[in-house]
């Protein structure tokens, strides 16, 4: 960063946090280097700096050429990585600079909509960003700014101290075939969502509220989500029915898949028909199924047979169990596994995340997945006693704690899943940087590796030098 860029970067960040409670979700998704197109929705004059301060790296911005004539600020704009553009027509010189910057490994903020939204809703993408994608082949990082329209809308005149959040999506890479042919239609296709396609949200652990979550659904609608695929996991004692019958009346509508530990499940069928740019619900129904009693379909079993060997190889044996292992013992075993990660003072996890017991006999990877089907990563956080107490208030959280920790220790290194760390960070308004990644795979993969390397017979007791703590007792 130049001195000018660093000065205004710091000033913008301080003002955004002070007046707009600015925060960034998933900043870890922003690549630290390499050519990058930051594709951002456009609602306000605030959007360029709001996108820029979400990044640790310096990025470039497009701004109309007349801004460089402003007194005082005008001469400083080049130091802020501003690329001047002539708004009176197609400024190919500015476009060439953008392409050159990205090819040279820089990041550039672009607004696919081309201009600020007059009502805060997403507008159709223009072909310009598609041209840049095709000419550079660079990764595209989608970013969505929430709240800048409410803070300073187009034509609004007044400034409102409204909270602003930037949500960072996963980087998108286009294949060479997708970048051809070099026509306007291709550029439009790259810039816009493909026609006749659905945008679906997967909602894990769906719990139906008595009333639709209006604010949440409004956000999904603004994100152009067409339907929600909801998943509920029940014990075998629960009935396979909806507690409510109006989910398909939500906007976006909900298709609910109910999973049960005994192998049976039901699926909510949701028939949608395209109606202009939207999708209309034609019909919904529950289709009860029982995976462990249904008649086999030879056409399906024959197709699955070709994958039998890879499936068997993936479902590797981990050890013989002389007796059934209850969920509480599995929880202890998992806590012991993550407690072994170097630097851990406290290993934390939730009882509610262990989904089933293990029967006696050979323990395999698939049985582990049945009880611990989570693929989030494992992280470490340094917490004060007060923050640790807050973590302990989350649903079902228990600890393994080192016995040699001083009673007056001021901070603890806590190892847990990114899911629970994120819940705590959200509750305490902690920055995402407080969650430090460990060099390990997902929760499930890590536990499988730990079990395969553990001495046999497998033990599920509290390890020497540690104590089990239930913060609610």
Protein backbone atom coordinates (compact mmCIF):
# COMPACT_ATOMS: atom_id res chain seq x y z
CA UNK A 1 0.00 0.00 0.00
CA UNK A 2 1.16 3.55 -0.74
CA UNK A 3 1.27 6.10 2.08
CA UNK A 4 -1.86 7.81 0.74
CA UNK A 5 -3.72 4.52 0.31
CA UNK A 6 -2.74 3.32 3.77
CA UNK A 7 -3.82 6.64 5.33
CA UNK A 8 -7.29 6.63 3.74
CA UNK A 9 -7.66 2.85 4.21
CA UNK A 10 -7.11 3.26 7.97
CA UNK A 11 -9.33 6.35 8.20
CA UNK A 12 -12.18 4.69 6.26
CA UNK A 13 -11.99 1.57 8.43
CA UNK A 14 -12.09 3.56 11.67
CA UNK A 15 -15.04 5.69 10.52
CA UNK A 16 -16.96 2.67 9.17
CA UNK A 17 -16.62 0.77 12.45
CA UNK A 18 -17.32 3.85 14.58
CA UNK A 19 -20.44 5.12 12.80
CA UNK A 20 -21.80 2.10 10.90
CA UNK A 21 -20.76 -0.88 13.07
CA UNK A 22 -19.00 -2.15 9.95
CA UNK A 23 -18.12 -5.84 9.88
CA UNK A 24 -17.00 -8.41 7.32
CA UNK A 25 -18.21 -11.99 7.15
CA UNK A 26 -15.77 -14.58 5.77
CA UNK A 27 -12.73 -12.32 5.15
CA UNK A 28 -10.63 -15.50 5.03
CA UNK A 29 -12.09 -16.15 1.56
CA UNK A 30 -10.30 -13.13 0.07
CA UNK A 31 -7.16 -14.28 -1.81
CA UNK A 32 -4.07 -12.47 -0.54
CA UNK A 33 -2.37 -12.34 -3.92
CA UNK A 34 -2.91 -12.86 -7.63
CA UNK A 35 -5.17 -11.21 -10.19
CA UNK A 36 -8.65 -10.79 -8.75
CA UNK A 37 -12.01 -9.30 -9.76
CA UNK A 38 -14.02 -8.18 -6.74
CA UNK A 39 -17.63 -8.25 -8.01
CA UNK A 40 -19.67 -6.07 -5.66
CA UNK A 41 -23.31 -4.93 -5.61
CA UNK A 42 -23.73 -1.15 -5.90
CA UNK A 43 -26.14 0.84 -3.72
CA UNK A 44 -24.22 3.86 -2.48
CA UNK A 45 -21.22 6.14 -2.94
CA UNK A 46 -19.83 4.34 0.12
CA UNK A 47 -19.50 0.99 -1.69
CA UNK A 48 -15.96 1.34 -3.16
CA UNK A 49 -14.21 2.03 0.19
CA UNK A 50 -16.48 -0.46 1.99
CA UNK A 51 -15.30 -3.19 -0.39
CA UNK A 52 -11.68 -2.06 -0.21
CA UNK A 53 -11.36 -2.04 3.59
CA UNK A 54 -12.67 -5.61 3.67
CA UNK A 55 -9.34 -6.66 2.12
CA UNK A 56 -5.90 -6.79 3.70
CA UNK A 57 -4.38 -6.23 0.25
CA UNK A 58 -4.56 -3.00 -1.72
CA UNK A 59 -7.13 -3.00 -4.53
CA UNK A 60 -7.98 -0.64 -7.39
CA UNK A 61 -11.22 1.23 -8.09
CA UNK A 62 -12.94 2.86 -11.05
CA UNK A 63 -14.14 6.46 -10.56
CA UNK A 64 -15.40 9.07 -12.97
CA UNK A 65 -12.69 11.33 -14.34
CA UNK A 66 -14.31 14.52 -13.05
CA UNK A 67 -13.56 13.50 -9.44
CA UNK A 68 -9.87 14.09 -10.07
CA UNK A 69 -10.66 17.81 -10.47
CA UNK A 70 -11.98 18.10 -6.92
CA UNK A 71 -9.99 20.51 -4.75
CA UNK A 72 -7.71 18.80 -2.23
CA UNK A 73 -9.00 15.22 -2.73
CA UNK A 74 -8.65 15.17 -6.52
CA UNK A 75 -4.83 15.03 -6.64
CA UNK A 76 -4.88 12.31 -3.94
CA UNK A 77 -7.11 9.89 -5.86
CA UNK A 78 -4.27 8.33 -7.93
CA UNK A 79 -2.53 7.45 -4.64
CA UNK A 80 -5.75 5.69 -3.57
CA UNK A 81 -5.48 3.39 -6.63
CA UNK A 82 -8.33 5.15 -8.45
CA UNK A 83 -8.56 4.43 -12.19
CA UNK A 84 -10.29 7.41 -13.88
CA UNK A 85 -13.05 6.58 -16.32
CA UNK A 86 -15.00 8.76 -18.75
CA UNK A 87 -18.67 8.18 -17.95
CA UNK A 88 -19.78 9.86 -21.19
CA UNK A 89 -19.14 6.78 -23.30
CA UNK A 90 -17.29 3.47 -23.56
CA UNK A 91 -13.90 4.34 -22.06
CA UNK A 92 -11.70 1.63 -23.57
CA UNK A 93 -8.54 3.18 -22.12
CA UNK A 94 -9.85 2.65 -18.57
CA UNK A 95 -10.92 -0.89 -19.48
CA UNK A 96 -7.44 -1.65 -20.79
CA UNK A 97 -5.90 -0.38 -17.54
CA UNK A 98 -8.25 -2.63 -15.54
CA UNK A 99 -7.31 -5.67 -17.63
CA UNK A 100 -3.61 -4.84 -17.36
CA UNK A 101 -3.82 -4.41 -13.58
CA UNK A 102 -5.58 -7.75 -13.13
CA UNK A 103 -3.19 -9.58 -15.45
CA UNK A 104 -0.35 -8.07 -13.43
CA UNK A 105 -1.66 -9.70 -10.24
CA UNK A 106 -3.69 -6.81 -8.78
CA UNK A 107 -7.25 -6.81 -7.49
CA UNK A 108 -9.88 -4.47 -8.97
CA UNK A 109 -13.30 -3.63 -7.53
CA UNK A 110 -15.99 -3.80 -10.22
CA UNK A 111 -19.74 -3.28 -9.97
CA UNK A 112 -21.48 -5.74 -12.35
CA UNK A 113 -24.66 -3.63 -12.28
CA UNK A 114 -22.75 -0.66 -13.70
CA UNK A 115 -24.50 1.98 -11.59
CA UNK A 116 -26.03 2.42 -8.16
CA UNK A 117 -29.36 0.73 -7.47
CA UNK A 118 -32.21 3.21 -7.06
CA UNK A 119 -34.15 0.97 -4.63
CA UNK A 120 -31.41 -1.14 -3.01
CA UNK A 121 -32.30 -4.31 -4.93
CA UNK A 122 -29.90 -6.14 -7.22
CA UNK A 123 -30.00 -5.04 -10.86
CA UNK A 124 -29.15 -7.12 -13.95
CA UNK A 125 -25.42 -7.39 -14.62
CA UNK A 126 -23.95 -5.53 -17.59
CA UNK A 127 -21.65 -7.27 -20.09
CA UNK A 128 -18.64 -5.16 -19.05
CA UNK A 129 -17.59 -7.40 -16.18
CA UNK A 130 -17.98 -10.44 -18.45
CA UNK A 131 -15.52 -8.84 -20.88
CA UNK A 132 -12.97 -8.35 -18.09
CA UNK A 133 -13.46 -11.97 -16.94
CA UNK A 134 -12.98 -13.27 -20.49
CA UNK A 135 -9.91 -11.13 -21.18
CA UNK A 136 -8.12 -11.93 -17.91
CA UNK A 137 -9.37 -15.40 -16.90
CA UNK A 138 -9.00 -14.14 -13.32
CA UNK A 139 -10.80 -15.41 -10.25
CA UNK A 140 -14.02 -13.59 -9.41
CA UNK A 141 -14.75 -12.86 -5.75
CA UNK A 142 -18.44 -12.08 -5.17
CA UNK A 143 -19.05 -9.60 -2.35
CA UNK A 144 -22.43 -8.38 -1.10
CA UNK A 145 -22.76 -5.15 0.87
CA UNK A 146 -25.77 -4.90 3.19
CA UNK A 147 -26.82 -1.59 4.73
CA UNK A 148 -25.07 0.97 2.52
CA UNK A 149 -28.37 1.76 0.75
CA UNK A 150 -30.01 2.45 4.11
CA UNK A 151 -26.99 4.52 5.19
CA UNK A 152 -26.66 6.70 2.07
CA UNK A 153 -29.00 5.81 -0.81
CA UNK A 154 -28.89 7.17 -4.32
CA UNK A 155 -30.68 10.50 -4.36
CA UNK A 156 -31.42 10.22 -0.63
CA UNK A 157 -29.43 13.27 0.40
CA UNK A 158 -29.32 12.43 4.13
CA UNK A 159 -26.79 10.26 5.91
CA UNK A 160 -28.16 7.57 8.28
CA UNK A 161 -26.03 5.72 10.83
CA UNK A 162 -27.23 2.29 9.73
CA UNK A 163 -25.18 -0.92 10.38
CA UNK A 164 -23.22 -2.10 7.34
CA UNK A 165 -22.06 -5.67 6.70
CA UNK A 166 -19.94 -7.03 3.85
CA UNK A 167 -20.45 -10.74 3.07
CA UNK A 168 -17.65 -12.37 1.07
CA UNK A 169 -18.49 -15.33 -1.16
CA UNK A 170 -16.30 -18.15 -2.41
CA UNK A 171 -13.90 -17.26 -5.27
CA UNK A 172 -15.17 -18.40 -8.69
CA UNK A 173 -12.89 -19.65 -11.45
CA UNK A 174 -14.15 -20.00 -15.03
CA UNK A 175 -12.80 -22.69 -17.37
CA UNK A 176 -11.23 -21.69 -20.72
CA UNK A 177 -14.25 -23.16 -22.53
CA UNK A 178 -16.61 -20.88 -20.59
CA UNK A 179 -14.68 -17.80 -21.77
CA UNK A 180 -15.36 -18.46 -25.46
CA UNK A 181 -16.42 -17.28 -27.97
CA UNK A 182 -15.32 -13.65 -27.56
CA UNK A 183 -18.77 -12.15 -28.17
CA UNK A 184 -21.08 -9.79 -26.32
CA UNK A 185 -23.37 -12.73 -25.56
CA UNK A 186 -20.51 -14.52 -23.81
CA UNK A 187 -19.66 -11.41 -21.79
CA UNK A 188 -23.30 -11.03 -20.78
CA UNK A 189 -23.49 -14.70 -19.82
CA UNK A 190 -20.37 -14.44 -17.64
CA UNK A 191 -21.64 -11.33 -15.94
CA UNK A 192 -25.18 -12.47 -15.29
CA UNK A 193 -26.74 -15.56 -13.78
CA UNK A 194 -27.50 -18.21 -16.37
CA UNK A 195 -31.14 -18.15 -17.52
CA UNK A 196 -33.59 -20.92 -16.51
CA UNK A 197 -31.59 -21.82 -13.41
CA UNK A 198 -32.51 -21.92 -9.73
CA UNK A 199 -30.58 -20.37 -6.85
CA UNK A 200 -31.09 -22.62 -3.81
CA UNK A 201 -30.12 -22.21 -0.17
CA UNK A 202 -29.29 -25.34 1.82
CA UNK A 203 -30.53 -24.89 5.40
CA UNK A 204 -29.02 -27.55 7.64
CA UNK A 205 -30.56 -28.38 11.02
CA UNK A 206 -33.78 -26.60 10.03
CA UNK A 207 -36.01 -25.78 12.98
CA UNK A 208 -39.40 -24.43 11.98
CA UNK A 209 -40.37 -21.22 13.80
CA UNK A 210 -44.03 -20.54 14.52
CA UNK A 211 -43.86 -17.47 12.30
CA UNK A 212 -41.74 -17.02 9.15
CA UNK A 213 -38.41 -15.23 9.91
CA UNK A 214 -39.38 -12.14 7.90
CA UNK A 215 -36.05 -10.27 8.01
CA UNK A 216 -34.07 -13.38 7.09
CA UNK A 217 -36.39 -14.26 4.20
CA UNK A 218 -36.23 -10.66 2.94
CA UNK A 219 -32.44 -10.93 2.84
CA UNK A 220 -32.64 -14.20 0.90
CA UNK A 221 -35.09 -12.62 -1.54
CA UNK A 222 -32.69 -9.70 -2.07
CA UNK A 223 -29.97 -12.25 -2.78
CA UNK A 224 -32.22 -13.74 -5.49
CA UNK A 225 -32.61 -17.09 -3.67
CA UNK A 226 -35.50 -18.99 -5.30
CA UNK A 227 -36.09 -21.79 -2.78
CA UNK A 228 -34.74 -23.26 0.46
CA UNK A 229 -33.67 -26.90 0.77
CA UNK A 230 -34.17 -27.53 4.48
CA UNK A 231 -32.84 -30.57 6.36
CA UNK A 232 -34.00 -31.77 9.77
CA UNK A 233 -32.41 -34.62 11.72
CA UNK A 234 -34.61 -36.48 14.17
CA UNK A 235 -34.30 -39.51 16.39
CA UNK A 236 -36.22 -42.64 15.39
CA UNK A 237 -38.95 -41.85 17.92
CA UNK A 238 -40.14 -38.78 16.02
CA UNK A 239 -43.00 -38.92 13.54
CA UNK A 240 -42.24 -38.12 9.90
CA UNK A 241 -44.59 -35.16 9.57
CA UNK A 242 -44.34 -31.41 9.29
CA UNK A 243 -45.15 -29.56 12.47
CA UNK A 244 -46.30 -26.73 10.21
CA UNK A 245 -47.87 -26.99 6.76
CA UNK A 246 -47.15 -23.55 5.37
CA UNK A 247 -43.42 -23.59 4.57
CA UNK A 248 -44.14 -23.60 0.86
CA UNK A 249 -46.00 -20.31 1.34
CA UNK A 250 -42.82 -18.65 2.55
CA UNK A 251 -40.96 -16.46 0.12
CA UNK A 252 -38.62 -18.11 -0.80
CA UNK A 253 -40.55 -21.39 -0.32
CA UNK A 254 -39.14 -24.32 1.67
CA UNK A 255 -38.73 -27.96 0.65
CA UNK A 256 -38.09 -29.93 3.85
CA UNK A 257 -36.10 -33.15 3.95
CA UNK A 258 -36.51 -35.04 7.25
CA UNK A 259 -33.69 -37.45 8.14
CA UNK A 260 -33.95 -40.04 10.91
CA UNK A 261 -31.25 -42.00 12.68
CA UNK A 262 -32.92 -45.33 11.96
CA UNK A 263 -32.47 -44.91 8.22
CA UNK A 264 -35.97 -43.76 7.31
CA UNK A 265 -36.70 -40.31 5.95
CA UNK A 266 -39.30 -38.25 4.17
CA UNK A 267 -38.80 -35.77 1.40
CA UNK A 268 -40.92 -32.72 0.70
CA UNK A 269 -41.55 -32.48 -3.00
CA UNK A 270 -41.70 -28.90 -4.25
CA UNK A 271 -42.77 -28.30 -7.86
CA UNK A 272 -41.75 -24.89 -9.21
CA UNK A 273 -42.60 -23.22 -12.50
CA UNK A 274 -40.67 -20.33 -13.99
CA UNK A 275 -42.78 -17.19 -14.12
CA UNK A 276 -40.76 -14.44 -15.81
CA UNK A 277 -37.67 -13.85 -13.67
CA UNK A 278 -39.24 -15.64 -10.68
CA UNK A 279 -40.41 -19.15 -9.78
CA UNK A 280 -43.93 -19.99 -8.70
CA UNK A 281 -44.88 -22.92 -6.42
CA UNK A 282 -47.28 -25.27 -8.21
CA UNK A 283 -47.48 -28.09 -5.71
CA UNK A 284 -45.91 -29.49 -2.55
CA UNK A 285 -46.30 -32.89 -0.91
CA UNK A 286 -44.55 -35.21 1.51
CA UNK A 287 -43.12 -38.43 0.10
CA UNK A 288 -42.55 -40.90 2.97
CA UNK A 289 -39.64 -43.26 2.41
CA UNK A 290 -37.87 -45.92 4.45
CA UNK A 291 -34.37 -46.56 3.21
CA UNK A 292 -33.91 -49.80 5.17
CA UNK A 293 -37.13 -51.51 4.03
CA UNK A 294 -37.69 -50.18 0.51
CA UNK A 295 -37.54 -52.67 -2.33
CA UNK A 296 -34.28 -52.55 -4.27
CA UNK A 297 -34.39 -51.06 -7.76
CA UNK A 298 -32.13 -53.19 -10.02
CA UNK A 299 -31.50 -50.31 -12.41
CA UNK A 300 -30.11 -48.25 -9.52
CA UNK A 301 -28.16 -51.04 -7.83
CA UNK A 302 -26.47 -51.90 -11.13
CA UNK A 303 -25.37 -48.32 -11.62
CA UNK A 304 -24.12 -48.10 -8.03
CA UNK A 305 -22.21 -51.39 -8.37
CA UNK A 306 -19.46 -49.78 -10.45
CA UNK A 307 -18.60 -47.61 -7.43
CA UNK A 308 -18.56 -50.48 -4.93
CA UNK A 309 -14.75 -50.72 -4.72
CA UNK A 310 -14.11 -46.98 -4.13
CA UNK A 311 -16.91 -46.93 -1.55
CA UNK A 312 -15.47 -49.93 0.28
CA UNK A 313 -11.99 -48.38 0.21
CA UNK A 314 -13.32 -45.11 1.65
CA UNK A 315 -15.25 -46.94 4.39
CA UNK A 316 -12.03 -48.13 6.00
CA UNK A 317 -12.09 -50.24 9.21
CA UNK A 318 -10.89 -48.36 12.31
CA UNK A 319 -11.01 -50.96 15.04
CA UNK A 320 -13.10 -53.67 16.68
CA UNK A 321 -15.58 -52.59 19.36
CA UNK A 322 -16.18 -55.21 22.04
CA UNK A 323 -19.34 -53.44 23.21
CA UNK A 324 -21.64 -50.63 22.04
CA UNK A 325 -20.24 -47.13 22.50
CA UNK A 326 -22.82 -44.55 23.65
CA UNK A 327 -22.86 -40.98 22.29
CA UNK A 328 -21.43 -39.56 25.55
CA UNK A 329 -18.33 -41.79 25.22
CA UNK A 330 -17.95 -40.82 21.54
CA UNK A 331 -18.04 -37.18 22.65
CA UNK A 332 -15.28 -37.85 25.16
CA UNK A 333 -13.23 -39.64 22.50
CA UNK A 334 -13.60 -36.74 20.08
CA UNK A 335 -12.68 -34.19 22.75
CA UNK A 336 -9.59 -36.27 23.56
CA UNK A 337 -8.67 -36.27 19.86
CA UNK A 338 -8.84 -32.49 19.43
CA UNK A 339 -7.19 -31.96 22.83
CA UNK A 340 -4.11 -33.63 21.31
CA UNK A 341 -3.69 -30.72 18.87
CA UNK A 342 -0.58 -28.79 20.03
CA UNK A 343 -1.17 -25.69 22.12
CA UNK A 344 -4.60 -26.76 23.39
CA UNK A 345 -5.53 -25.73 26.94
CA UNK A 346 -9.22 -26.57 26.56
CA UNK A 347 -11.02 -28.74 23.99
CA UNK A 348 -14.68 -27.75 23.55
CA UNK A 349 -17.55 -29.44 21.74
CA UNK A 350 -21.33 -29.90 21.97
CA UNK A 351 -23.24 -32.97 23.06
CA UNK A 352 -25.88 -32.11 20.47
CA UNK A 353 -23.38 -32.59 17.62
CA UNK A 354 -22.98 -36.33 18.30
CA UNK A 355 -25.83 -37.89 16.35
CA UNK A 356 -25.82 -41.60 17.22
CA UNK A 357 -24.24 -44.43 19.23
CA UNK A 358 -21.85 -47.03 17.75
CA UNK A 359 -22.88 -50.71 17.84
CA UNK A 360 -20.42 -53.42 18.82
CA UNK A 361 -18.37 -54.94 16.04
CA UNK A 362 -16.11 -53.33 13.45
CA UNK A 363 -16.09 -49.55 13.58
CA UNK A 364 -15.86 -48.09 10.07
CA UNK A 365 -15.59 -44.58 8.65
CA UNK A 366 -19.26 -44.60 7.63
CA UNK A 367 -20.35 -45.32 11.21
CA UNK A 368 -18.20 -42.43 12.40
CA UNK A 369 -19.89 -40.21 9.81
CA UNK A 370 -23.34 -41.30 11.05
CA UNK A 371 -22.50 -39.90 14.47
CA UNK A 372 -20.24 -36.98 13.47
CA UNK A 373 -21.36 -35.83 9.97
CA UNK A 374 -19.67 -32.43 10.14
CA UNK A 375 -17.14 -31.16 7.62
CA UNK A 376 -16.30 -27.79 9.16
CA UNK A 377 -12.65 -27.15 9.99
CA UNK A 378 -11.02 -27.18 13.43
CA UNK A 379 -9.77 -23.86 14.79
CA UNK A 380 -8.14 -22.42 17.90
CA UNK A 381 -9.08 -19.23 19.75
CA UNK A 382 -7.49 -17.44 22.71
CA UNK A 383 -10.27 -16.64 25.18
CA UNK A 384 -10.48 -14.81 28.50
CA UNK A 385 -12.34 -16.51 31.37
CA UNK A 386 -15.40 -14.32 30.62
CA UNK A 387 -15.35 -15.29 26.92
CA UNK A 388 -14.92 -18.96 27.89
CA UNK A 389 -17.98 -18.68 30.11
CA UNK A 390 -19.93 -17.33 27.14
CA UNK A 391 -18.77 -20.29 25.02
CA UNK A 392 -20.01 -22.60 27.76
CA UNK A 393 -23.49 -21.11 27.48
CA UNK A 394 -23.87 -22.35 23.88
CA UNK A 395 -26.12 -25.38 23.48
CA UNK A 396 -24.63 -28.57 24.90
CA UNK A 397 -21.01 -27.35 25.13
CA UNK A 398 -18.67 -29.36 27.37
CA UNK A 399 -14.89 -29.24 27.83
CA UNK A 400 -11.79 -31.26 28.37
CA UNK A 401 -9.49 -29.01 30.41
CA UNK A 402 -5.84 -29.50 31.29
CA UNK A 403 -5.47 -30.18 35.02
CA UNK A 404 -2.24 -28.17 35.32
CA UNK A 405 -3.80 -24.84 34.29
CA UNK A 406 -3.44 -22.19 37.03
CA UNK A 407 -6.72 -21.12 38.60
CA UNK A 408 -5.95 -17.45 37.86
CA UNK A 409 -4.86 -17.94 34.24
CA UNK A 410 -5.81 -14.85 32.21
CA UNK A 411 -6.30 -16.52 28.82
CA UNK A 412 -6.83 -20.01 27.39
CA UNK A 413 -6.18 -21.56 23.99
CA UNK A 414 -9.46 -23.28 23.10
CA UNK A 415 -9.66 -25.84 20.28
CA UNK A 416 -13.09 -26.41 18.75
CA UNK A 417 -14.94 -26.50 15.44
CA UNK A 418 -15.19 -23.39 13.29
CA UNK A 419 -18.98 -23.63 13.67
CA UNK A 420 -18.96 -23.08 17.44
CA UNK A 421 -16.11 -20.56 17.19
CA UNK A 422 -18.16 -18.58 14.65
CA UNK A 423 -21.21 -18.59 16.95
CA UNK A 424 -19.08 -17.22 19.77
CA UNK A 425 -17.38 -14.63 17.54
CA UNK A 426 -20.78 -13.44 16.31
CA UNK A 427 -22.11 -13.21 19.88
CA UNK A 428 -19.09 -11.26 21.16
CA UNK A 429 -18.47 -9.28 17.94
CA UNK A 430 -14.99 -10.74 17.68
CA UNK A 431 -13.14 -10.41 14.35
CA UNK A 432 -12.82 -13.55 12.23
CA UNK A 433 -9.04 -13.30 12.58
CA UNK A 434 -9.45 -14.49 16.19
CA UNK A 435 -10.22 -17.95 14.75
CA UNK A 436 -6.84 -19.49 13.87
CA UNK A 437 -6.94 -22.41 11.46
CA UNK A 438 -5.22 -25.64 12.47
CA UNK A 439 -3.32 -27.72 9.89
CA UNK A 440 -5.99 -30.40 9.93
CA UNK A 441 -8.87 -31.53 7.75
CA UNK A 442 -12.54 -31.37 8.59
CA UNK A 443 -13.89 -32.55 11.95
CA UNK A 444 -14.93 -35.88 10.45
CA UNK A 445 -11.65 -36.49 8.58
CA UNK A 446 -9.58 -35.52 11.61
CA UNK A 447 -11.50 -37.88 13.91
CA UNK A 448 -11.21 -40.76 11.42
CA UNK A 449 -7.43 -40.22 11.17
CA UNK A 450 -7.13 -40.02 14.96
CA UNK A 451 -9.10 -43.26 15.44
CA UNK A 452 -7.09 -45.10 12.77
CA UNK A 453 -3.81 -44.11 14.44
CA UNK A 454 -4.96 -44.68 18.03
CA UNK A 455 -3.78 -47.74 20.02
CA UNK A 456 -6.11 -50.72 19.87
CA UNK A 457 -8.46 -51.56 21.43
CA UNK A 458 -9.92 -48.07 21.10
CA UNK A 459 -10.38 -46.11 24.33
CA UNK A 460 -13.03 -43.47 24.94
CA UNK A 461 -12.04 -42.27 28.40
CA UNK A 462 -10.71 -38.91 29.59
CA UNK A 463 -6.93 -38.88 28.89
CA UNK A 464 -4.35 -38.62 31.69
CA UNK A 465 -3.76 -35.03 32.82
CA UNK A 466 -7.19 -33.77 31.66
CA UNK A 467 -10.56 -33.34 33.33
CA UNK A 468 -14.07 -33.38 31.90
CA UNK A 469 -16.01 -30.16 32.61
CA UNK A 470 -19.71 -29.47 32.12
CA UNK A 471 -19.93 -25.65 32.46
CA UNK A 472 -23.60 -25.87 33.44
CA UNK A 473 -22.86 -27.89 36.58
